[in-house]
Amino acid sequence: MPVIDFYTRKGCHLCENAKEELIELQKEYSFSINEINIETSDDLTEKYGLMIPVFVLDGEELGYGCVNEFDISKRLQKK
C-alpha cells in the first residue's frame, strides 16, 4: 500500500484542511498517511518551514500548500 508522507505542524489551518482532503481521497484510493510534525526536527523545519503542508510519495514531492487532488490521484493510480 502506498504511503504519503504528510509534513505538517501543530496549529496550521492549511495542514488541517489538507489532512481532511487526504482522508477524503482515501475513500477512493488505498493509501496510508504518515503525518510528520516538522517541529520535531531542525532539518525538517528548515526544509519545509514555509511550505507546509507538504505531500511526498516514494520520496517525490507531490505538492505543498493546498492538496491538488488531481495530481495526487494520478500518482496513486500508478501505484
N, C-alpha and C. Protein backbone atom coordinates (compact mmCIF):
# COMPACT_ATOMS: atom_id res chain seq x y z
N MET A 1 0.85 -1.18 0.00
CA MET A 1 0.00 0.00 0.00
C MET A 1 0.89 1.24 0.00
N PRO A 2 0.62 2.19 -0.89
CA PRO A 2 1.40 3.43 -0.92
C PRO A 2 1.24 4.22 0.38
N VAL A 3 2.28 4.96 0.71
CA VAL A 3 2.27 5.82 1.89
C VAL A 3 2.59 7.24 1.46
N ILE A 4 1.73 8.17 1.85
CA ILE A 4 2.01 9.58 1.62
C ILE A 4 2.56 10.17 2.90
N ASP A 5 3.79 10.66 2.84
CA ASP A 5 4.35 11.40 3.97
C ASP A 5 3.75 12.80 3.93
N PHE A 6 3.17 13.18 5.04
CA PHE A 6 2.43 14.44 5.15
C PHE A 6 3.13 15.30 6.19
N TYR A 7 3.91 16.27 5.71
CA TYR A 7 4.68 17.14 6.60
C TYR A 7 3.80 18.30 7.05
N THR A 8 3.75 18.50 8.36
CA THR A 8 2.82 19.46 8.95
C THR A 8 3.41 20.03 10.24
N ARG A 9 2.65 20.90 10.88
CA ARG A 9 3.00 21.37 12.22
C ARG A 9 1.69 21.68 12.94
N LYS A 10 1.75 21.66 14.25
CA LYS A 10 0.56 21.93 15.06
C LYS A 10 0.10 23.36 14.85
N GLY A 11 -1.23 23.55 14.85
CA GLY A 11 -1.79 24.88 14.75
C GLY A 11 -1.84 25.44 13.33
N CYS A 12 -1.56 24.61 12.34
CA CYS A 12 -1.55 25.05 10.94
C CYS A 12 -2.92 24.74 10.33
N HIS A 13 -3.69 25.79 10.04
CA HIS A 13 -5.03 25.56 9.48
C HIS A 13 -4.98 24.97 8.07
N LEU A 14 -3.98 25.33 7.29
CA LEU A 14 -3.82 24.72 5.96
C LEU A 14 -3.57 23.22 6.07
N CYS A 15 -2.79 22.85 7.08
CA CYS A 15 -2.49 21.43 7.31
C CYS A 15 -3.74 20.66 7.70
N GLU A 16 -4.55 21.26 8.56
CA GLU A 16 -5.79 20.60 8.98
C GLU A 16 -6.72 20.41 7.79
N ASN A 17 -6.85 21.42 6.95
CA ASN A 17 -7.69 21.30 5.75
C ASN A 17 -7.14 20.24 4.79
N ALA A 18 -5.83 20.24 4.61
CA ALA A 18 -5.20 19.28 3.71
C ALA A 18 -5.39 17.85 4.21
N LYS A 19 -5.29 17.65 5.51
CA LYS A 19 -5.48 16.31 6.07
C LYS A 19 -6.89 15.82 5.79
N GLU A 20 -7.88 16.69 5.95
CA GLU A 20 -9.26 16.31 5.66
C GLU A 20 -9.41 15.91 4.19
N GLU A 21 -8.75 16.62 3.30
CA GLU A 21 -8.82 16.28 1.88
C GLU A 21 -8.13 14.95 1.58
N LEU A 22 -7.00 14.70 2.24
CA LEU A 22 -6.32 13.41 2.06
C LEU A 22 -7.21 12.27 2.56
N ILE A 23 -7.87 12.48 3.68
CA ILE A 23 -8.77 11.45 4.21
C ILE A 23 -9.91 11.19 3.23
N GLU A 24 -10.40 12.23 2.59
CA GLU A 24 -11.44 12.05 1.56
C GLU A 24 -10.90 11.22 0.39
N LEU A 25 -9.66 11.49 -0.02
CA LEU A 25 -9.05 10.73 -1.12
C LEU A 25 -8.88 9.25 -0.75
N GLN A 26 -8.70 8.96 0.54
CA GLN A 26 -8.55 7.57 0.98
C GLN A 26 -9.83 6.76 0.73
N LYS A 27 -10.95 7.42 0.58
CA LYS A 27 -12.20 6.71 0.28
C LYS A 27 -12.18 6.14 -1.14
N GLU A 28 -11.37 6.74 -2.00
CA GLU A 28 -11.30 6.32 -3.39
C GLU A 28 -10.03 5.52 -3.69
N TYR A 29 -8.93 5.84 -3.01
CA TYR A 29 -7.64 5.19 -3.26
C TYR A 29 -7.11 4.59 -1.97
N SER A 30 -6.45 3.46 -2.11
CA SER A 30 -5.89 2.78 -0.95
C SER A 30 -4.47 3.30 -0.69
N PHE A 31 -4.32 4.11 0.34
CA PHE A 31 -3.00 4.60 0.76
C PHE A 31 -3.08 4.96 2.23
N SER A 32 -1.92 5.03 2.85
CA SER A 32 -1.89 5.47 4.24
C SER A 32 -1.20 6.83 4.32
N ILE A 33 -1.46 7.51 5.42
CA ILE A 33 -0.89 8.84 5.66
C ILE A 33 0.08 8.75 6.81
N ASN A 34 1.31 9.13 6.57
CA ASN A 34 2.33 9.19 7.61
C ASN A 34 2.53 10.66 7.96
N GLU A 35 1.86 11.11 9.02
CA GLU A 35 1.92 12.52 9.41
C GLU A 35 3.20 12.79 10.18
N ILE A 36 3.96 13.79 9.72
CA ILE A 36 5.26 14.11 10.30
C ILE A 36 5.25 15.58 10.73
N ASN A 37 5.41 15.81 12.01
CA ASN A 37 5.46 17.17 12.55
C ASN A 37 6.87 17.71 12.33
N ILE A 38 7.00 18.73 11.49
CA ILE A 38 8.33 19.26 11.17
C ILE A 38 9.01 19.91 12.37
N GLU A 39 8.22 20.25 13.38
CA GLU A 39 8.81 20.91 14.56
C GLU A 39 9.63 19.95 15.42
N THR A 40 9.63 18.67 15.09
CA THR A 40 10.43 17.70 15.84
C THR A 40 11.86 17.64 15.33
N SER A 41 12.15 18.37 14.24
CA SER A 41 13.47 18.32 13.63
C SER A 41 13.85 19.69 13.07
N ASP A 42 15.02 20.16 13.45
CA ASP A 42 15.51 21.43 12.89
C ASP A 42 15.68 21.33 11.37
N ASP A 43 16.15 20.17 10.89
CA ASP A 43 16.35 19.99 9.45
C ASP A 43 15.02 20.07 8.70
N LEU A 44 13.99 19.41 9.23
CA LEU A 44 12.69 19.45 8.57
C LEU A 44 12.08 20.84 8.63
N THR A 45 12.26 21.52 9.76
CA THR A 45 11.75 22.89 9.88
C THR A 45 12.42 23.80 8.87
N GLU A 46 13.73 23.63 8.70
CA GLU A 46 14.45 24.45 7.73
C GLU A 46 14.03 24.12 6.30
N LYS A 47 13.82 22.84 6.02
CA LYS A 47 13.48 22.41 4.67
C LYS A 47 12.04 22.78 4.27
N TYR A 48 11.09 22.57 5.20
CA TYR A 48 9.68 22.71 4.87
C TYR A 48 8.95 23.83 5.60
N GLY A 49 9.66 24.61 6.41
CA GLY A 49 9.02 25.60 7.27
C GLY A 49 8.02 26.51 6.62
N LEU A 50 8.31 27.02 5.43
CA LEU A 50 7.40 27.94 4.76
C LEU A 50 6.50 27.26 3.74
N MET A 51 6.70 25.96 3.55
CA MET A 51 5.96 25.26 2.50
C MET A 51 4.80 24.42 3.02
N ILE A 52 4.73 24.16 4.30
CA ILE A 52 3.76 23.18 4.80
C ILE A 52 2.33 23.58 4.50
N PRO A 53 1.48 22.61 4.33
CA PRO A 53 1.75 21.18 4.34
C PRO A 53 2.44 20.73 3.05
N VAL A 54 3.23 19.67 3.18
CA VAL A 54 3.94 19.10 2.03
C VAL A 54 3.55 17.62 1.93
N PHE A 55 3.35 17.15 0.68
CA PHE A 55 2.93 15.78 0.43
C PHE A 55 4.02 15.08 -0.37
N VAL A 56 4.49 13.93 0.13
CA VAL A 56 5.58 13.21 -0.51
C VAL A 56 5.17 11.75 -0.69
N LEU A 57 5.36 11.22 -1.88
CA LEU A 57 5.08 9.81 -2.17
C LEU A 57 6.33 9.20 -2.77
N ASP A 58 6.84 8.16 -2.13
CA ASP A 58 8.06 7.47 -2.60
C ASP A 58 9.22 8.44 -2.82
N GLY A 59 9.38 9.39 -1.90
CA GLY A 59 10.49 10.33 -1.98
C GLY A 59 10.28 11.49 -2.93
N GLU A 60 9.15 11.52 -3.64
CA GLU A 60 8.88 12.58 -4.60
C GLU A 60 7.81 13.53 -4.06
N GLU A 61 8.12 14.81 -4.02
CA GLU A 61 7.14 15.79 -3.56
C GLU A 61 5.99 15.86 -4.55
N LEU A 62 4.79 15.65 -4.03
CA LEU A 62 3.59 15.74 -4.86
C LEU A 62 3.04 17.15 -4.89
N GLY A 63 3.40 17.93 -3.90
CA GLY A 63 2.91 19.29 -3.83
C GLY A 63 3.01 19.83 -2.41
N TYR A 64 2.63 21.07 -2.28
CA TYR A 64 2.63 21.70 -0.96
C TYR A 64 1.56 22.78 -0.94
N GLY A 65 1.22 23.20 0.28
CA GLY A 65 0.17 24.20 0.45
C GLY A 65 -1.19 23.54 0.41
N CYS A 66 -1.85 23.62 -0.70
CA CYS A 66 -3.18 23.02 -0.87
C CYS A 66 -3.04 21.67 -1.57
N VAL A 67 -3.95 20.76 -1.25
CA VAL A 67 -3.96 19.45 -1.89
C VAL A 67 -4.42 19.61 -3.33
N ASN A 68 -3.63 19.09 -4.26
CA ASN A 68 -4.05 19.02 -5.65
C ASN A 68 -4.55 17.59 -5.87
N GLU A 69 -5.85 17.40 -5.68
CA GLU A 69 -6.42 16.06 -5.73
C GLU A 69 -6.15 15.36 -7.06
N PHE A 70 -6.17 16.10 -8.15
CA PHE A 70 -5.93 15.51 -9.46
C PHE A 70 -4.53 14.92 -9.54
N ASP A 71 -3.51 15.69 -9.17
CA ASP A 71 -2.13 15.21 -9.23
C ASP A 71 -1.90 14.03 -8.30
N ILE A 72 -2.42 14.12 -7.09
CA ILE A 72 -2.21 13.04 -6.12
C ILE A 72 -2.93 11.77 -6.60
N SER A 73 -4.15 11.90 -7.07
CA SER A 73 -4.88 10.71 -7.53
C SER A 73 -4.19 10.09 -8.74
N LYS A 74 -3.65 10.92 -9.63
CA LYS A 74 -2.93 10.42 -10.81
C LYS A 74 -1.71 9.59 -10.38
N ARG A 75 -0.98 10.07 -9.39
CA ARG A 75 0.20 9.34 -8.90
C ARG A 75 -0.21 8.05 -8.19
N LEU A 76 -1.29 8.10 -7.44
CA LEU A 76 -1.75 6.91 -6.73
C LEU A 76 -2.24 5.84 -7.70
N GLN A 77 -2.81 6.25 -8.80
CA GLN A 77 -3.29 5.28 -9.81
C GLN A 77 -2.13 4.47 -10.39
N LYS A 78 -0.96 5.06 -10.42
CA LYS A 78 0.22 4.37 -10.96
C LYS A 78 0.78 3.34 -9.99
N LYS A 79 0.35 3.41 -8.73
CA LYS A 79 0.89 2.51 -7.70
C LYS A 79 0.17 1.20 -7.70
